[in-house]
Amino acid sequence: MATREIIFMVEEDPEQGYTAKALGFSIFTEANTLTELKEKIKDAIKCHFEQHPHVFTSV
């Protein structure tokens, strides 16, 4: 299977925290810190690809 990469555009939210949007996928999440955002990105990827849990192995 070919390696697949998802790139996230991370931006600081003017009101509070950070947002992350996957380029080319309907994946979006937000968090108060960058550390929390990384965990939320992992969760969002798992939810988006729950039918194929083996697709992505690292973030």
N, C-alpha and C. Protein backbone atom coordinates (compact mmCIF):
# COMPACT_ATOMS: atom_id res chain seq x y z
N MET A 1 0.86 -1.18 0.00
CA MET A 1 0.00 0.00 0.00
C MET A 1 0.90 1.24 0.00
N ALA A 2 0.57 2.22 -0.80
CA ALA A 2 1.34 3.46 -0.89
C ALA A 2 1.15 4.30 0.37
N THR A 3 2.20 5.00 0.73
CA THR A 3 2.13 5.90 1.87
C THR A 3 1.28 7.11 1.50
N ARG A 4 0.41 7.49 2.39
CA ARG A 4 -0.47 8.63 2.15
C ARG A 4 -0.25 9.65 3.25
N GLU A 5 -0.26 10.90 2.88
CA GLU A 5 0.01 11.97 3.84
C GLU A 5 -1.15 12.96 3.84
N ILE A 6 -1.53 13.39 5.03
CA ILE A 6 -2.53 14.44 5.16
C ILE A 6 -1.83 15.66 5.73
N ILE A 7 -1.97 16.77 5.06
CA ILE A 7 -1.36 18.01 5.52
C ILE A 7 -2.45 18.87 6.15
N PHE A 8 -2.17 19.38 7.33
CA PHE A 8 -3.10 20.25 8.04
C PHE A 8 -2.59 21.68 8.02
N MET A 9 -3.49 22.60 7.77
CA MET A 9 -3.19 24.02 7.89
C MET A 9 -3.60 24.42 9.31
N VAL A 10 -2.62 24.82 10.10
CA VAL A 10 -2.86 25.20 11.50
C VAL A 10 -2.78 26.71 11.60
N GLU A 11 -3.79 27.28 12.23
CA GLU A 11 -3.83 28.74 12.39
C GLU A 11 -4.19 29.08 13.84
N GLU A 12 -3.65 30.18 14.27
CA GLU A 12 -4.04 30.68 15.59
C GLU A 12 -5.39 31.35 15.45
N ASP A 13 -6.31 30.98 16.32
CA ASP A 13 -7.66 31.56 16.30
C ASP A 13 -7.60 32.93 16.96
N PRO A 14 -8.14 33.97 16.32
CA PRO A 14 -8.07 35.31 16.90
C PRO A 14 -8.78 35.43 18.25
N GLU A 15 -9.75 34.56 18.50
CA GLU A 15 -10.49 34.62 19.76
C GLU A 15 -9.84 33.78 20.85
N GLN A 16 -9.34 32.59 20.47
CA GLN A 16 -8.73 31.71 21.47
C GLN A 16 -8.23 30.44 20.81
N GLY A 17 -7.03 30.02 21.14
CA GLY A 17 -6.53 28.72 20.73
C GLY A 17 -6.11 28.63 19.28
N TYR A 18 -6.28 27.42 18.72
CA TYR A 18 -5.80 27.11 17.37
C TYR A 18 -6.84 26.29 16.63
N THR A 19 -6.80 26.37 15.30
CA THR A 19 -7.63 25.54 14.45
C THR A 19 -6.74 24.77 13.50
N ALA A 20 -7.23 23.63 13.04
CA ALA A 20 -6.50 22.81 12.07
C ALA A 20 -7.49 22.30 11.03
N LYS A 21 -7.15 22.48 9.76
CA LYS A 21 -7.99 22.02 8.65
C LYS A 21 -7.13 21.20 7.72
N ALA A 22 -7.60 19.99 7.41
CA ALA A 22 -6.87 19.12 6.50
C ALA A 22 -7.05 19.63 5.07
N LEU A 23 -5.96 19.66 4.33
CA LEU A 23 -6.03 20.07 2.93
C LEU A 23 -6.44 18.85 2.09
N GLY A 24 -7.56 18.98 1.39
CA GLY A 24 -8.05 17.90 0.54
C GLY A 24 -8.97 16.90 1.22
N PHE A 25 -9.24 17.09 2.49
CA PHE A 25 -10.13 16.21 3.24
C PHE A 25 -11.08 17.06 4.07
N SER A 26 -12.22 16.52 4.41
CA SER A 26 -13.19 17.22 5.25
C SER A 26 -12.91 16.94 6.72
N ILE A 27 -11.75 17.38 7.17
CA ILE A 27 -11.34 17.16 8.56
C ILE A 27 -10.99 18.52 9.15
N PHE A 28 -11.63 18.86 10.27
CA PHE A 28 -11.40 20.14 10.94
C PHE A 28 -11.47 19.91 12.44
N THR A 29 -10.60 20.58 13.18
CA THR A 29 -10.66 20.51 14.64
C THR A 29 -10.07 21.78 15.24
N GLU A 30 -10.26 21.95 16.53
CA GLU A 30 -9.75 23.13 17.21
C GLU A 30 -9.38 22.77 18.64
N ALA A 31 -8.48 23.56 19.23
CA ALA A 31 -8.04 23.30 20.61
C ALA A 31 -7.44 24.58 21.19
N ASN A 32 -7.24 24.57 22.51
CA ASN A 32 -6.68 25.73 23.19
C ASN A 32 -5.16 25.81 23.08
N THR A 33 -4.48 24.65 22.99
CA THR A 33 -3.02 24.62 22.90
C THR A 33 -2.59 23.77 21.71
N LEU A 34 -1.34 23.94 21.29
CA LEU A 34 -0.82 23.14 20.19
C LEU A 34 -0.70 21.66 20.58
N THR A 35 -0.37 21.40 21.82
CA THR A 35 -0.28 20.01 22.29
C THR A 35 -1.64 19.34 22.22
N GLU A 36 -2.66 20.05 22.70
CA GLU A 36 -4.03 19.53 22.65
C GLU A 36 -4.49 19.39 21.19
N LEU A 37 -4.09 20.31 20.35
CA LEU A 37 -4.48 20.27 18.94
C LEU A 37 -3.94 19.02 18.26
N LYS A 38 -2.71 18.64 18.55
CA LYS A 38 -2.14 17.43 17.96
C LYS A 38 -2.97 16.21 18.33
N GLU A 39 -3.39 16.10 19.58
CA GLU A 39 -4.22 14.98 20.01
C GLU A 39 -5.59 15.01 19.32
N LYS A 40 -6.15 16.20 19.18
CA LYS A 40 -7.46 16.32 18.52
C LYS A 40 -7.36 16.00 17.03
N ILE A 41 -6.23 16.32 16.41
CA ILE A 41 -6.02 15.95 15.00
C ILE A 41 -6.01 14.43 14.87
N LYS A 42 -5.31 13.75 15.77
CA LYS A 42 -5.29 12.28 15.75
C LYS A 42 -6.70 11.72 15.87
N ASP A 43 -7.49 12.26 16.81
CA ASP A 43 -8.87 11.80 17.00
C ASP A 43 -9.72 12.08 15.76
N ALA A 44 -9.54 13.24 15.15
CA ALA A 44 -10.31 13.60 13.96
C ALA A 44 -9.99 12.67 12.79
N ILE A 45 -8.73 12.32 12.65
CA ILE A 45 -8.33 11.39 11.58
C ILE A 45 -8.95 10.02 11.83
N LYS A 46 -8.89 9.55 13.07
CA LYS A 46 -9.49 8.25 13.40
C LYS A 46 -10.98 8.24 13.10
N CYS A 47 -11.68 9.32 13.45
CA CYS A 47 -13.12 9.41 13.18
C CYS A 47 -13.40 9.43 11.68
N HIS A 48 -12.62 10.20 10.95
CA HIS A 48 -12.84 10.33 9.51
C HIS A 48 -12.62 9.01 8.78
N PHE A 49 -11.64 8.24 9.23
CA PHE A 49 -11.30 6.99 8.57
C PHE A 49 -11.65 5.77 9.42
N GLU A 50 -12.72 5.85 10.21
CA GLU A 50 -13.04 4.75 11.11
C GLU A 50 -13.34 3.44 10.39
N GLN A 51 -13.73 3.50 9.14
CA GLN A 51 -13.96 2.29 8.36
C GLN A 51 -12.65 1.64 7.92
N HIS A 52 -11.55 2.41 7.99
CA HIS A 52 -10.23 1.94 7.57
C HIS A 52 -9.19 2.34 8.61
N PRO A 53 -9.22 1.77 9.80
CA PRO A 53 -8.35 2.22 10.89
C PRO A 53 -6.86 2.02 10.63
N HIS A 54 -6.51 1.18 9.69
CA HIS A 54 -5.10 0.90 9.40
C HIS A 54 -4.48 1.90 8.42
N VAL A 55 -5.27 2.81 7.88
CA VAL A 55 -4.80 3.72 6.84
C VAL A 55 -3.68 4.62 7.33
N PHE A 56 -3.81 5.21 8.51
CA PHE A 56 -2.81 6.12 9.03
C PHE A 56 -2.24 5.57 10.32
N THR A 57 -0.92 5.59 10.40
CA THR A 57 -0.28 5.01 11.57
C THR A 57 0.42 6.04 12.45
N SER A 58 0.66 7.26 11.96
CA SER A 58 1.31 8.25 12.79
C SER A 58 0.87 9.65 12.40
N VAL A 59 1.02 10.56 13.36
CA VAL A 59 0.67 11.97 13.14
C VAL A 59 1.85 12.81 13.58
